[in-house]
């Protein structure tokens, strides 16, 4: 098994980036483009998933636990809206 040396090589980070790009496009192409506060909150939340994965990787922490906690936090933030 190969050693991963960059967080960008993590499949979960790559999936989070795809999700961020999808959300960014939805925010640009729908009525969200005029609801600045909601658009910024959704984009910020989806971007924080990538940030948290990278941070967990850099800390050599338990990425699985960290990601699951952040996923629940992200879902709560979006659900509140």
Protein backbone atom coordinates (compact mmCIF):
# COMPACT_ATOMS: atom_id res chain seq x y z
CA UNK A 1 0.00 0.00 0.00
CA UNK A 2 1.38 3.40 -0.98
CA UNK A 3 2.02 6.09 1.60
CA UNK A 4 0.07 9.27 1.14
CA UNK A 5 2.25 12.33 1.63
CA UNK A 6 -0.18 15.09 0.58
CA UNK A 7 -3.75 15.60 1.72
CA UNK A 8 -4.68 16.33 -1.91
CA UNK A 9 -4.03 12.65 -2.63
CA UNK A 10 -6.70 11.52 -0.17
CA UNK A 11 -9.77 10.26 -2.00
CA UNK A 12 -12.05 11.80 0.63
CA UNK A 13 -10.48 15.25 0.08
CA UNK A 14 -10.93 14.88 -3.68
CA UNK A 15 -14.60 14.00 -3.16
CA UNK A 16 -15.04 16.99 -0.84
CA UNK A 17 -13.55 19.22 -3.55
CA UNK A 18 -15.99 17.83 -6.12
CA UNK A 19 -18.85 18.52 -3.71
CA UNK A 20 -17.59 22.07 -3.14
CA UNK A 21 -17.48 22.71 -6.89
CA UNK A 22 -21.01 21.37 -7.35
CA UNK A 23 -22.29 23.58 -4.54
CA UNK A 24 -20.40 26.59 -5.91
CA UNK A 25 -22.02 26.08 -9.32
CA UNK A 26 -25.48 25.73 -7.79
CA UNK A 27 -24.92 28.95 -5.84
CA UNK A 28 -23.92 30.77 -9.03
CA UNK A 29 -26.56 29.34 -11.37
CA UNK A 30 -29.70 29.43 -9.17
CA UNK A 31 -31.64 31.97 -7.16
CA UNK A 32 -29.00 31.63 -4.45
CA UNK A 33 -26.91 34.11 -6.43
CA UNK A 34 -29.11 36.91 -5.07
CA UNK A 35 -29.30 35.59 -1.49
CA UNK A 36 -25.78 36.56 -0.52
CA UNK A 37 -25.88 35.51 3.12
CA UNK A 38 -27.27 32.04 2.42
CA UNK A 39 -24.97 31.55 -0.57
CA UNK A 40 -21.92 32.51 1.48
CA UNK A 41 -22.92 30.25 4.36
CA UNK A 42 -23.45 27.22 2.12
CA UNK A 43 -20.22 27.79 0.18
CA UNK A 44 -18.27 28.40 3.39
CA UNK A 45 -19.62 25.27 4.99
CA UNK A 46 -18.82 23.08 2.02
CA UNK A 47 -15.32 24.58 1.79
CA UNK A 48 -14.69 23.89 5.47
CA UNK A 49 -15.01 20.15 4.80
CA UNK A 50 -11.87 20.29 2.65
CA UNK A 51 -10.13 22.47 5.23
CA UNK A 52 -10.91 20.09 8.08
CA UNK A 53 -9.69 17.05 6.17
CA UNK A 54 -6.43 18.84 5.35
CA UNK A 55 -6.01 19.96 8.95
CA UNK A 56 -6.60 16.44 10.26
CA UNK A 57 -4.06 15.07 7.80
CA UNK A 58 -1.43 17.63 8.80
CA UNK A 59 -1.91 16.82 12.49
CA UNK A 60 -1.56 13.07 11.90
CA UNK A 61 -4.79 12.75 13.83
CA UNK A 62 -7.45 10.13 13.50
CA UNK A 63 -8.94 11.37 10.25
CA UNK A 64 -11.92 9.02 10.38
CA UNK A 65 -13.17 10.34 13.71
CA UNK A 66 -12.38 13.93 12.81
CA UNK A 67 -14.15 13.68 9.46
CA UNK A 68 -17.25 12.05 10.94
CA UNK A 69 -17.54 14.78 13.57
CA UNK A 70 -17.10 17.48 10.95
CA UNK A 71 -19.61 15.80 8.66
CA UNK A 72 -22.21 15.87 11.41
CA UNK A 73 -21.34 19.49 12.16
CA UNK A 74 -21.58 20.40 8.45
CA UNK A 75 -24.93 18.66 8.12
CA UNK A 76 -26.25 20.54 11.16
CA UNK A 77 -25.10 23.87 9.76
CA UNK A 78 -26.83 23.27 6.45
CA UNK A 79 -29.99 21.85 8.07
CA UNK A 80 -30.40 24.95 10.25
CA UNK A 81 -30.70 27.05 7.12
